[in-house]
PDB file of N, CA and C in Angstrom:
ATOM      1  N   UNK A   1      91.020 143.869-110.324  1.00  0.00           N
ATOM      2  CA  UNK A   1      92.223 144.606-110.662  1.00  0.00           C
ATOM      3  C   UNK A   1      92.113 146.003-110.095  1.00  0.00           C
ATOM      4  N   UNK A   2      92.056 147.052-110.433  1.00  0.00           N
ATOM      5  CA  UNK A   2      92.051 148.411-109.983  1.00  0.00           C
ATOM      6  C   UNK A   2      92.300 148.692-108.514  1.00  0.00           C
ATOM      7  N   UNK A   3      91.919 147.800-107.579  1.00  0.00           N
ATOM      8  CA  UNK A   3      92.116 148.059-106.161  1.00  0.00           C
ATOM      9  C   UNK A   3      93.392 147.414-105.627  1.00  0.00           C
ATOM     10  N   UNK A   4      94.230 146.918-106.481  1.00  0.00           N
ATOM     11  CA  UNK A   4      95.460 146.248-106.090  1.00  0.00           C
ATOM     12  C   UNK A   4      96.548 147.303-105.889  1.00  0.00           C
ATOM     13  N   UNK A   5      96.390 148.101-104.806  1.00  0.00           N
ATOM     14  CA  UNK A   5      97.277 149.229-104.566  1.00  0.00           C
ATOM     15  C   UNK A   5      97.629 149.344-103.101  1.00  0.00           C
ATOM     16  N   UNK A   6      98.777 149.947-102.867  1.00  0.00           N
ATOM     17  CA  UNK A   6      99.165 150.370-101.522  1.00  0.00           C
ATOM     18  C   UNK A   6      99.040 151.884-101.526  1.00  0.00           C
ATOM     19  N   UNK A   7      98.222 152.420-100.646  1.00  0.00           N
ATOM     20  CA  UNK A   7      98.062 153.870-100.551  1.00  0.00           C
ATOM     21  C   UNK A   7      98.174 154.278 -99.091  1.00  0.00           C
ATOM     22  N   UNK A   8      98.921 155.350 -98.848  1.00  0.00           N
ATOM     23  CA  UNK A   8      99.042 155.870 -97.497  1.00  0.00           C
ATOM     24  C   UNK A   8      99.253 157.370 -97.559  1.00  0.00           C
ATOM     25  N   UNK A   9      98.929 158.037 -96.456  1.00  0.00           N
ATOM     26  CA  UNK A   9      99.036 159.486 -96.403  1.00  0.00           C
ATOM     27  C   UNK A   9      99.933 159.908 -95.257  1.00  0.00           C
ATOM     28  N   UNK A  10     100.719 160.949 -95.532  1.00  0.00           N
ATOM     29  CA  UNK A  10     101.556 161.572 -94.511  1.00  0.00           C
ATOM     30  C   UNK A  10     101.550 163.082 -94.730  1.00  0.00           C
ATOM     31  N   UNK A  11     101.131 163.818 -93.728  1.00  0.00           N
ATOM     32  CA  UNK A  11     101.172 165.278 -93.740  1.00  0.00           C
ATOM     33  C   UNK A  11     100.760 165.919 -95.071  1.00  0.00           C
ATOM     34  N   UNK A  12      99.588 165.599 -95.561  1.00  0.00           N
ATOM     35  CA  UNK A  12      99.081 166.217 -96.778  1.00  0.00           C
ATOM     36  C   UNK A  12      99.639 165.637 -98.061  1.00  0.00           C
ATOM     37  N   UNK A  13     100.333 164.521 -97.971  1.00  0.00           N
ATOM     38  CA  UNK A  13     100.890 163.861 -99.143  1.00  0.00           C
ATOM     39  C   UNK A  13     100.275 162.466 -99.227  1.00  0.00           C
ATOM     40  N   UNK A  14      99.710 162.130-100.384  1.00  0.00           N
ATOM     41  CA  UNK A  14      99.164 160.791-100.580  1.00  0.00           C
ATOM     42  C   UNK A  14     100.068 160.050-101.560  1.00  0.00           C
ATOM     43  N   UNK A  15     100.584 158.914-101.118  1.00  0.00           N
ATOM     44  CA  UNK A  15     101.483 158.095-101.929  1.00  0.00           C
ATOM     45  C   UNK A  15     100.741 156.809-102.285  1.00  0.00           C
ATOM     46  N   UNK A  16     100.734 156.477-103.576  1.00  0.00           N
ATOM     47  CA  UNK A  16     100.051 155.272-104.051  1.00  0.00           C
ATOM     48  C   UNK A  16     100.995 154.459-104.915  1.00  0.00           C
ATOM     49  N   UNK A  17     101.096 153.173-104.605  1.00  0.00           N
ATOM     50  CA  UNK A  17     101.852 152.232-105.434  1.00  0.00           C
ATOM     51  C   UNK A  17     100.839 151.298-106.075  1.00  0.00           C
ATOM     52  N   UNK A  18     100.784 151.317-107.385  1.00  0.00           N
ATOM     53  CA  UNK A  18      99.848 150.485-108.142  1.00  0.00           C
ATOM     54  C   UNK A  18     100.520 149.140-108.426  1.00  0.00           C
ATOM     55  N   UNK A  19     100.138 148.121-107.682  1.00  0.00           N
ATOM     56  CA  UNK A  19     100.747 146.797-107.828  1.00  0.00           C
ATOM     57  C   UNK A  19     100.466 146.165-109.191  1.00  0.00           C
ATOM     58  N   UNK A  20      99.396 146.587-109.858  1.00  0.00           N
ATOM     59  CA  UNK A  20      99.099 146.052-111.187  1.00  0.00           C
ATOM     60  C   UNK A  20     100.105 146.537-112.228  1.00  0.00           C
ATOM     61  N   UNK A  21     100.811 147.617-111.919  1.00  0.00           N
ATOM     62  CA  UNK A  21     101.837 148.149-112.821  1.00  0.00           C
ATOM     63  C   UNK A  21     103.244 147.927-112.302  1.00  0.00           C
ATOM     64  N   UNK A  22     103.389 147.520-111.051  1.00  0.00           N
ATOM     65  CA  UNK A  22     104.692 147.314-110.411  1.00  0.00           C
ATOM     66  C   UNK A  22     105.269 145.969-110.870  1.00  0.00           C
ATOM     67  N   UNK A  23     106.393 146.023-111.580  1.00  0.00           N
ATOM     68  CA  UNK A  23     106.968 144.796-112.155  1.00  0.00           C
ATOM     69  C   UNK A  23     107.167 143.674-111.144  1.00  0.00           C
ATOM     70  N   UNK A  24     107.845 143.909-110.005  1.00  0.00           N
ATOM     71  CA  UNK A  24     108.040 142.788-109.079  1.00  0.00           C
ATOM     72  C   UNK A  24     106.737 142.244-108.507  1.00  0.00           C
ATOM     73  N   UNK A  25     105.773 143.110-108.266  1.00  0.00           N
ATOM     74  CA  UNK A  25     104.493 142.661-107.706  1.00  0.00           C
ATOM     75  C   UNK A  25     103.676 141.904-108.741  1.00  0.00           C
ATOM     76  N   UNK A  26     103.586 142.450-109.940  1.00  0.00           N
ATOM     77  CA  UNK A  26     102.727 141.825-110.950  1.00  0.00           C
ATOM     78  C   UNK A  26     103.329 140.532-111.485  1.00  0.00           C
ATOM     79  N   UNK A  27     104.668 140.473-111.615  1.00  0.00           N
ATOM     80  CA  UNK A  27     105.330 139.273-112.130  1.00  0.00           C
ATOM     81  C   UNK A  27     105.801 138.332-111.021  1.00  0.00           C
ATOM     82  N   UNK A  28     105.619 138.762-109.760  1.00  0.00           N
ATOM     83  CA  UNK A  28     106.060 137.989-108.593  1.00  0.00           C
ATOM     84  C   UNK A  28     107.513 137.536-108.744  1.00  0.00           C
ATOM     85  N   UNK A  29     108.367 138.505-109.018  1.00  0.00           N
ATOM     86  CA  UNK A  29     109.776 138.204-109.215  1.00  0.00           C
ATOM     87  C   UNK A  29     110.646 138.835-108.128  1.00  0.00           C
ATOM     88  N   UNK A  30     111.577 138.070-107.567  1.00  0.00           N
ATOM     89  CA  UNK A  30     112.463 138.619-106.538  1.00  0.00           C
ATOM     90  C   UNK A  30     113.628 139.409-107.119  1.00  0.00           C
ATOM     91  N   UNK A  31     113.795 139.371-108.447  1.00  0.00           N
ATOM     92  CA  UNK A  31     114.906 140.064-109.082  1.00  0.00           C
ATOM     93  C   UNK A  31     114.405 140.871-110.294  1.00  0.00           C
ATOM     94  N   UNK A  32     113.599 141.913-110.035  1.00  0.00           N
ATOM     95  CA  UNK A  32     113.025 142.678-111.147  1.00  0.00           C
ATOM     96  C   UNK A  32     114.070 143.580-111.801  1.00  0.00           C
ATOM     97  N   UNK A  33     113.787 144.011-113.017  1.00  0.00           N
ATOM     98  CA  UNK A  33     114.724 144.892-113.721  1.00  0.00           C
ATOM     99  C   UNK A  33     114.886 146.225-113.004  1.00  0.00           C
ATOM    100  N   UNK A  34     113.887 146.645-112.239  1.00  0.00           N
ATOM    101  CA  UNK A  34     113.990 147.905-111.489  1.00  0.00           C
ATOM    102  C   UNK A  34     114.884 147.778-110.266  1.00  0.00           C
ATOM    103  N   UNK A  35     115.129 146.547-109.831  1.00  0.00           N
ATOM    104  CA  UNK A  35     115.954 146.331-108.639  1.00  0.00           C
ATOM    105  C   UNK A  35     115.337 146.888-107.368  1.00  0.00           C
ATOM    106  N   UNK A  36     113.999 146.988-107.342  1.00  0.00           N
ATOM    107  CA  UNK A  36     113.289 147.587-106.211  1.00  0.00           C
ATOM    108  C   UNK A  36     113.811 148.994-105.947  1.00  0.00           C
ATOM    109  N   UNK A  37     113.873 149.788-107.008  1.00  0.00           N
ATOM    110  CA  UNK A  37     114.410 151.149-106.935  1.00  0.00           C
ATOM    111  C   UNK A  37     113.687 152.005-105.897  1.00  0.00           C
ATOM    112  N   UNK A  38     112.395 151.795-105.716  1.00  0.00           N
ATOM    113  CA  UNK A  38     111.629 152.597-104.752  1.00  0.00           C
ATOM    114  C   UNK A  38     112.110 152.353-103.327  1.00  0.00           C
ATOM    115  N   UNK A  39     112.340 151.088-102.988  1.00  0.00           N
ATOM    116  CA  UNK A  39     112.789 150.746-101.638  1.00  0.00           C
ATOM    117  C   UNK A  39     114.221 151.240-101.425  1.00  0.00           C
ATOM    118  N   UNK A  40     115.062 151.106-102.432  1.00  0.00           N
ATOM    119  CA  UNK A  40     116.438 151.601-102.332  1.00  0.00           C
ATOM    120  C   UNK A  40     116.463 153.115-102.134  1.00  0.00           C
ATOM    121  N   UNK A  41     115.614 153.824-102.864  1.00  0.00           N
ATOM    122  CA  UNK A  41     115.540 155.281-102.719  1.00  0.00           C
ATOM    123  C   UNK A  41     115.062 155.657-101.327  1.00  0.00           C
ATOM    124  N   UNK A  42     114.080 154.921-100.815  1.00  0.00           N
ATOM    125  CA  UNK A  42     113.571 155.196 -99.475  1.00  0.00           C
ATOM    126  C   UNK A  42     114.663 154.988 -98.429  1.00  0.00           C
ATOM    127  N   UNK A  43     115.500 154.006 -98.628  1.00  0.00           N
ATOM    128  CA  UNK A  43     116.597 153.765 -97.688  1.00  0.00           C
ATOM    129  C   UNK A  43     117.691 154.818 -97.805  1.00  0.00           C
ATOM    130  N   UNK A  44     117.915 155.317 -99.021  1.00  0.00           N
ATOM    131  CA  UNK A  44     118.962 156.304 -99.251  1.00  0.00           C
ATOM    132  C   UNK A  44     118.526 157.709 -98.851  1.00  0.00           C
ATOM    133  N   UNK A  45     117.338 158.116 -99.278  1.00  0.00           N
ATOM    134  CA  UNK A  45     116.878 159.484 -99.052  1.00  0.00           C
ATOM    135  C   UNK A  45     115.876 159.614 -97.905  1.00  0.00           C
ATOM    136  N   UNK A  46     115.170 158.550 -97.627  1.00  0.00           N
ATOM    137  CA  UNK A  46     114.142 158.573 -96.592  1.00  0.00           C
ATOM    138  C   UNK A  46     114.619 157.896 -95.323  1.00  0.00           C
ATOM    139  N   UNK A  47     113.653 157.323 -94.595  1.00  0.00           N
ATOM    140  CA  UNK A  47     113.974 156.680 -93.317  1.00  0.00           C
ATOM    141  C   UNK A  47     113.325 155.308 -93.192  1.00  0.00           C
ATOM    142  N   UNK A  48     113.351 154.541 -94.285  1.00  0.00           N
ATOM    143  CA  UNK A  48     112.888 153.156 -94.266  1.00  0.00           C
ATOM    144  C   UNK A  48     111.401 152.974 -93.965  1.00  0.00           C
ATOM    145  N   UNK A  49     110.570 153.695 -94.682  1.00  0.00           N
ATOM    146  CA  UNK A  49     109.129 153.493 -94.563  1.00  0.00           C
ATOM    147  C   UNK A  49     108.687 152.309 -95.418  1.00  0.00           C
ATOM    148  N   UNK A  50     109.519 151.927 -96.412  1.00  0.00           N
ATOM    149  CA  UNK A  50     109.191 150.814 -97.307  1.00  0.00           C
ATOM    150  C   UNK A  50     110.154 149.659 -97.118  1.00  0.00           C
ATOM    151  N   UNK A  51     109.634 148.456 -97.342  1.00  0.00           N
ATOM    152  CA  UNK A  51     110.454 147.245 -97.336  1.00  0.00           C
ATOM    153  C   UNK A  51     109.912 146.314 -98.414  1.00  0.00           C
ATOM    154  N   UNK A  52     110.645 145.251 -98.695  1.00  0.00           N
ATOM    155  CA  UNK A  52     110.218 144.260 -99.682  1.00  0.00           C
ATOM    156  C   UNK A  52     109.621 143.073 -98.939  1.00  0.00           C
ATOM    157  N   UNK A  53     108.415 142.699 -99.332  1.00  0.00           N
ATOM    158  CA  UNK A  53     107.741 141.540 -98.742  1.00  0.00           C
ATOM    159  C   UNK A  53     106.929 140.866 -99.838  1.00  0.00           C
ATOM    160  N   UNK A  54     107.136 139.577-100.011  1.00  0.00           N
ATOM    161  CA  UNK A  54     106.436 138.826-101.065  1.00  0.00           C
ATOM    162  C   UNK A  54     106.605 139.476-102.440  1.00  0.00           C
ATOM    163  N   UNK A  55     107.821 139.918-102.715  1.00  0.00           N
ATOM    164  CA  UNK A  55     108.188 140.511-104.012  1.00  0.00           C
ATOM    165  C   UNK A  55     107.403 141.777-104.344  1.00  0.00           C
ATOM    166  N   UNK A  56     107.115 142.577-103.327  1.00  0.00           N
ATOM    167  CA  UNK A  56     106.442 143.853-103.559  1.00  0.00           C
ATOM    168  C   UNK A  56     106.835 144.839-102.465  1.00  0.00           C
ATOM    169  N   UNK A  57     106.853 146.126-102.795  1.00  0.00           N
ATOM    170  CA  UNK A  57     107.126 147.131-101.765  1.00  0.00           C
ATOM    171  C   UNK A  57     105.909 147.274-100.849  1.00  0.00           C
ATOM    172  N   UNK A  58     106.160 147.226 -99.549  1.00  0.00           N
ATOM    173  CA  UNK A  58     105.096 147.378 -98.556  1.00  0.00           C
ATOM    174  C   UNK A  58     105.614 148.305 -97.455  1.00  0.00           C
ATOM    175  N   UNK A  59     104.703 148.730 -96.589  1.00  0.00           N
ATOM    176  CA  UNK A  59     105.093 149.577 -95.466  1.00  0.00           C
ATOM    177  C   UNK A  59     105.826 148.759 -94.410  1.00  0.00           C
ATOM    178  N   UNK A  60     106.809 149.366 -93.784  1.00  0.00           N
ATOM    179  CA  UNK A  60     107.578 148.665 -92.750  1.00  0.00           C
ATOM    180  C   UNK A  60     106.795 148.528 -91.450  1.00  0.00           C
ATOM    181  N   UNK A  61     105.758 149.346 -91.281  1.00  0.00           N
ATOM    182  CA  UNK A  61     105.007 149.330 -90.041  1.00  0.00           C
ATOM    183  C   UNK A  61     103.534 149.604 -90.357  1.00  0.00           C
ATOM    184  N   UNK A  62     102.602 148.877 -89.738  1.00  0.00           N
ATOM    185  CA  UNK A  62     101.183 149.100 -90.024  1.00  0.00           C
ATOM    186  C   UNK A  62     100.606 150.343 -89.343  1.00  0.00           C
ATOM    187  N   UNK A  63     101.340 150.928 -88.396  1.00  0.00           N
ATOM    188  CA  UNK A  63     100.855 152.082 -87.641  1.00  0.00           C
ATOM    189  C   UNK A  63     101.031 153.371 -88.454  1.00  0.00           C
ATOM    190  N   UNK A  64      99.928 154.044 -88.816  1.00  0.00           N
ATOM    191  CA  UNK A  64     100.032 155.275 -89.610  1.00  0.00           C
ATOM    192  C   UNK A  64     100.904 156.347 -88.950  1.00  0.00           C
ATOM    193  N   UNK A  65     100.892 156.427 -87.623  1.00  0.00           N
ATOM    194  CA  UNK A  65     101.729 157.418 -86.928  1.00  0.00           C
ATOM    195  C   UNK A  65     103.209 157.104 -87.113  1.00  0.00           C
ATOM    196  N   UNK A  66     103.548 155.831 -87.112  1.00  0.00           N
ATOM    197  CA  UNK A  66     104.947 155.438 -87.312  1.00  0.00           C
ATOM    198  C   UNK A  66     105.375 155.715 -88.750  1.00  0.00           C
ATOM    199  N   UNK A  67     104.496 155.458 -89.700  1.00  0.00           N
ATOM    200  CA  UNK A  67     104.815 155.757 -91.100  1.00  0.00           C
ATOM    201  C   UNK A  67     104.966 157.260 -91.283  1.00  0.00           C
ATOM    202  N   UNK A  68     104.134 158.046 -90.618  1.00  0.00           N
ATOM    203  CA  UNK A  68     104.269 159.496 -90.699  1.00  0.00           C
ATOM    204  C   UNK A  68     105.631 159.938 -90.162  1.00  0.00           C
ATOM    205  N   UNK A  69     106.113 159.270 -89.137  1.00  0.00           N
ATOM    206  CA  UNK A  69     107.425 159.585 -88.583  1.00  0.00           C
ATOM    207  C   UNK A  69     108.536 159.162 -89.543  1.00  0.00           C
ATOM    208  N   UNK A  70     108.362 158.015 -90.168  1.00  0.00           N
ATOM    209  CA  UNK A  70     109.401 157.475 -91.036  1.00  0.00           C
ATOM    210  C   UNK A  70     109.473 158.149 -92.403  1.00  0.00           C
ATOM    211  N   UNK A  71     108.337 158.431 -93.002  1.00  0.00           N
ATOM    212  CA  UNK A  71     108.320 159.011 -94.350  1.00  0.00           C
ATOM    213  C   UNK A  71     108.637 160.501 -94.250  1.00  0.00           C
ATOM    214  N   UNK A  72     109.738 160.909 -94.859  1.00  0.00           N
ATOM    215  CA  UNK A  72     110.108 162.329 -94.820  1.00  0.00           C
ATOM    216  C   UNK A  72     109.705 163.069 -96.088  1.00  0.00           C
ATOM    217  N   UNK A  73     108.870 162.444 -96.897  1.00  0.00           N
ATOM    218  CA  UNK A  73     108.315 163.054 -98.107  1.00  0.00           C
ATOM    219  C   UNK A  73     109.411 163.506 -99.070  1.00  0.00           C
ATOM    220  N   UNK A  74     110.446 162.695 -99.210  1.00  0.00           N
ATOM    221  CA  UNK A  74     111.565 163.047-100.085  1.00  0.00           C
ATOM    222  C   UNK A  74     111.210 162.900-101.562  1.00  0.00           C
ATOM    223  N   UNK A  75     110.155 162.156-101.883  1.00  0.00           N
ATOM    224  CA  UNK A  75     109.684 161.894-103.242  1.00  0.00           C
ATOM    225  C   UNK A  75     110.637 160.984-104.019  1.00  0.00           C
ATOM    226  N   UNK A  76     111.659 160.468-103.352  1.00  0.00           N
ATOM    227  CA  UNK A  76     112.639 159.604-104.006  1.00  0.00           C
ATOM    228  C   UNK A  76     112.051 158.325-104.554  1.00  0.00           C
ATOM    229  N   UNK A  77     111.090 157.741-103.862  1.00  0.00           N
ATOM    230  CA  UNK A  77     110.493 156.482-104.335  1.00  0.00           C
ATOM    231  C   UNK A  77     109.833 156.685-105.687  1.00  0.00           C
ATOM    232  N   UNK A  78     109.085 157.783-105.832  1.00  0.00           N
ATOM    233  CA  UNK A  78     108.414 158.065-107.111  1.00  0.00           C
ATOM    234  C   UNK A  78     109.438 158.358-108.206  1.00  0.00           C
ATOM    235  N   UNK A  79     110.412 159.163-107.896  1.00  0.00           N
ATOM    236  CA  UNK A  79     111.442 159.544-108.872  1.00  0.00           C
ATOM    237  C   UNK A  79     112.198 158.321-109.382  1.00  0.00           C
ATOM    238  N   UNK A  80     112.669 157.481-108.489  1.00  0.00           N
ATOM    239  CA  UNK A  80     113.445 156.307-108.894  1.00  0.00           C
ATOM    240  C   UNK A  80     112.592 155.281-109.623  1.00  0.00           C
ATOM    241  N   UNK A  81     111.323 155.148-109.232  1.00  0.00           N
ATOM    242  CA  UNK A  81     110.422 154.228-109.941  1.00  0.00           C
ATOM    243  C   UNK A  81     110.171 154.732-111.358  1.00  0.00           C
ATOM    244  N   UNK A  82     110.075 156.042-111.512  1.00  0.00           N
ATOM    245  CA  UNK A  82     109.862 156.605-112.847  1.00  0.00           C
ATOM    246  C   UNK A  82     111.055 156.331-113.757  1.00  0.00           C
ATOM    247  N   UNK A  83     112.268 156.458-113.237  1.00  0.00           N
ATOM    248  CA  UNK A  83     113.464 156.312-114.068  1.00  0.00           C
ATOM    249  C   UNK A  83     113.984 154.888-114.193  1.00  0.00           C
ATOM    250  N   UNK A  84     113.746 154.055-113.167  1.00  0.00           N
ATOM    251  CA  UNK A  84     114.291 152.698-113.183  1.00  0.00           C
ATOM    252  C   UNK A  84     113.231 151.607-113.168  1.00  0.00           C
ATOM    253  N   UNK A  85     111.989 151.987-112.931  1.00  0.00           N
ATOM    254  CA  UNK A  85     110.927 150.995-112.814  1.00  0.00           C
ATOM    255  C   UNK A  85     109.839 151.204-113.837  1.00  0.00           C
ATOM    256  N   UNK A  86     108.627 150.938-113.414  1.00  0.00           N
ATOM    257  CA  UNK A  86     107.485 150.993-114.330  1.00  0.00           C
ATOM    258  C   UNK A  86     106.582 152.195-114.091  1.00  0.00           C
ATOM    259  N   UNK A  87     107.092 153.190-113.353  1.00  0.00           N
ATOM    260  CA  UNK A  87     106.337 154.419-113.098  1.00  0.00           C
ATOM    261  C   UNK A  87     104.984 154.107-112.459  1.00  0.00           C
ATOM    262  N   UNK A  88     105.006 153.236-111.455  1.00  0.00           N
ATOM    263  CA  UNK A  88     103.759 152.805-110.821  1.00  0.00           C
ATOM    264  C   UNK A  88     103.467 153.543-109.518  1.00  0.00           C
ATOM    265  N   UNK A  89     104.306 154.501-109.154  1.00  0.00           N
ATOM    266  CA  UNK A  89     104.100 155.261-107.917  1.00  0.00           C
ATOM    267  C   UNK A  89     103.626 156.659-108.271  1.00  0.00           C
ATOM    268  N   UNK A  90     102.572 157.085-107.597  1.00  0.00           N
ATOM    269  CA  UNK A  90     102.112 158.460-107.778  1.00  0.00           C
ATOM    270  C   UNK A  90     102.048 159.133-106.416  1.00  0.00           C
ATOM    271  N   UNK A  91     102.407 160.398-106.417  1.00  0.00           N
ATOM    272  CA  UNK A  91     102.378 161.192-105.200  1.00  0.00           C
ATOM    273  C   UNK A  91     101.516 162.412-105.456  1.00  0.00           C
ATOM    274  N   UNK A  92     100.524 162.592-104.600  1.00  0.00           N
ATOM    275  CA  UNK A  92      99.639 163.743-104.689  1.00  0.00           C
ATOM    276  C   UNK A  92      99.930 164.658-103.504  1.00  0.00           C
ATOM    277  N   UNK A  93     100.233 165.906-103.806  1.00  0.00           N
ATOM    278  CA  UNK A  93     100.509 166.889-102.763  1.00  0.00           C
ATOM    279  C   UNK A  93      99.301 167.800-102.607  1.00  0.00           C
ATOM    280  N   UNK A  94      98.889 168.019-101.380  1.00  0.00           N
ATOM    281  CA  UNK A  94      97.805 168.974-101.167  1.00  0.00           C
ATOM    282  C   UNK A  94      98.449 170.343-100.950  1.00  0.00           C
ATOM    283  N   UNK A  95      97.874 171.338-101.584  1.00  0.00           N
ATOM    284  CA  UNK A  95      98.379 172.700-101.452  1.00  0.00           C
ATOM    285  C   UNK A  95      97.239 173.549-100.895  1.00  0.00           C
ATOM    286  N   UNK A  96      97.256 173.788 -99.588  1.00  0.00           N
ATOM    287  CA  UNK A  96      96.172 174.575 -98.986  1.00  0.00           C
ATOM    288  C   UNK A  96      96.046 175.940 -99.657  1.00  0.00           C
ATOM    289  N   UNK A  97      94.817 176.303 -99.984  1.00  0.00           N
ATOM    290  CA  UNK A  97      94.541 177.599-100.585  1.00  0.00           C
ATOM    291  C   UNK A  97      94.674 177.642-102.096  1.00  0.00           C
ATOM    292  N   UNK A  98      95.098 176.542-102.730  1.00  0.00           N
ATOM    293  CA  UNK A  98      95.298 176.553-104.177  1.00  0.00           C
ATOM    294  C   UNK A  98      93.991 176.781-104.932  1.00  0.00           C
ATOM    295  N   UNK A  99      92.918 176.115-104.524  1.00  0.00           N
ATOM    296  CA  UNK A  99      91.622 176.287-105.201  1.00  0.00           C
ATOM    297  C   UNK A  99      91.141 177.730-105.107  1.00  0.00           C
ATOM    298  N   UNK A 100      91.269 178.312-103.925  1.00  0.00           N
ATOM    299  CA  UNK A 100      90.843 179.691-103.738  1.00  0.00           C
ATOM    300  C   UNK A 100      91.686 180.638-104.585  1.00  0.00           C
ATOM    301  N   UNK A 101      92.984 180.386-104.661  1.00  0.00           N
ATOM    302  CA  UNK A 101      93.880 181.208-105.467  1.00  0.00           C
ATOM    303  C   UNK A 101      93.511 181.126-106.946  1.00  0.00           C
ATOM    304  N   UNK A 102      93.275 179.906-107.429  1.00  0.00           N
ATOM    305  CA  UNK A 102      92.899 179.734-108.835  1.00  0.00           C
ATOM    306  C   UNK A 102      91.583 180.445-109.142  1.00  0.00           C
ATOM    307  N   UNK A 103      90.624 180.308-108.234  1.00  0.00           N
ATOM    308  CA  UNK A 103      89.334 180.959-108.436  1.00  0.00           C
ATOM    309  C   UNK A 103      89.516 182.478-108.488  1.00  0.00           C
ATOM    310  N   UNK A 104      90.308 182.996-107.582  1.00  0.00           N
ATOM    311  CA  UNK A 104      90.563 184.447-107.546  1.00  0.00           C
ATOM    312  C   UNK A 104      91.226 184.905-108.846  1.00  0.00           C
ATOM    313  N   UNK A 105      92.197 184.126-109.337  1.00  0.00           N
ATOM    314  CA  UNK A 105      92.903 184.498-110.562  1.00  0.00           C
ATOM    315  C   UNK A 105      91.968 184.450-111.765  1.00  0.00           C
ATOM    316  N   UNK A 106      91.055 183.484-111.795  1.00  0.00           N
ATOM    317  CA  UNK A 106      90.076 183.413-112.893  1.00  0.00           C
ATOM    318  C   UNK A 106      89.114 184.592-112.864  1.00  0.00           C
ATOM    319  N   UNK A 107      88.712 185.007-111.660  1.00  0.00           N
ATOM    320  CA  UNK A 107      87.798 186.144-111.536  1.00  0.00           C
ATOM    321  C   UNK A 107      88.478 187.441-111.944  1.00  0.00           C
ATOM    322  N   UNK A 108      89.785 187.544-111.696  1.00  0.00           N
ATOM    323  CA  UNK A 108      90.520 188.765-112.026  1.00  0.00           C
ATOM    324  C   UNK A 108      91.075 188.729-113.439  1.00  0.00           C
ATOM    325  N   UNK A 109      90.735 187.712-114.175  1.00  0.00           N
ATOM    326  CA  UNK A 109      91.204 187.626-115.557  1.00  0.00           C
ATOM    327  C   UNK A 109      92.624 187.130-115.690  1.00  0.00           C
ATOM    328  N   UNK A 110      93.105 186.397-114.678  1.00  0.00           N
ATOM    329  CA  UNK A 110      94.439 185.785-114.770  1.00  0.00           C
ATOM    330  C   UNK A 110      95.574 186.768-114.604  1.00  0.00           C
ATOM    331  N   UNK A 111      95.333 187.902-113.963  1.00  0.00           N
ATOM    332  CA  UNK A 111      96.390 188.909-113.770  1.00  0.00           C
ATOM    333  C   UNK A 111      97.499 188.376-112.897  1.00  0.00           C
TER     334      UNK A 111
END
C-alpha cells in the first residue's frame, strides 16, 4: 500500500496523487462520486497534463519535459479534489530562501 501513488514535479512543484485514497482508483469505478474532478479541473484551468486511464488519473505523456510544458501549476486539480473528491492530491511548493529566512527570524527573535 503506501507506494500506490502518482508523483511528478514541475518547476519546484511536487504533485502527488495517492491512489489508495482516490475513489475511482481504489474502487476501480468509471463513475465515481467525484466525477474525476481533478481531470476536469486540469482541462478547464490547466493544459491537459492529466487523463483518465483504467479508472484513475494518470499523466497524458510519460516525458517529464512535456508534462512540465503542459502543467501550468494552476493548483486546480488539488482544489477540486478537496471539494468534490477524497482529498487525495497534495501539492508541495518549494520556496527558495524560506529556510534561511525562518532561521534569520528565529535568531532575531521573530521581529
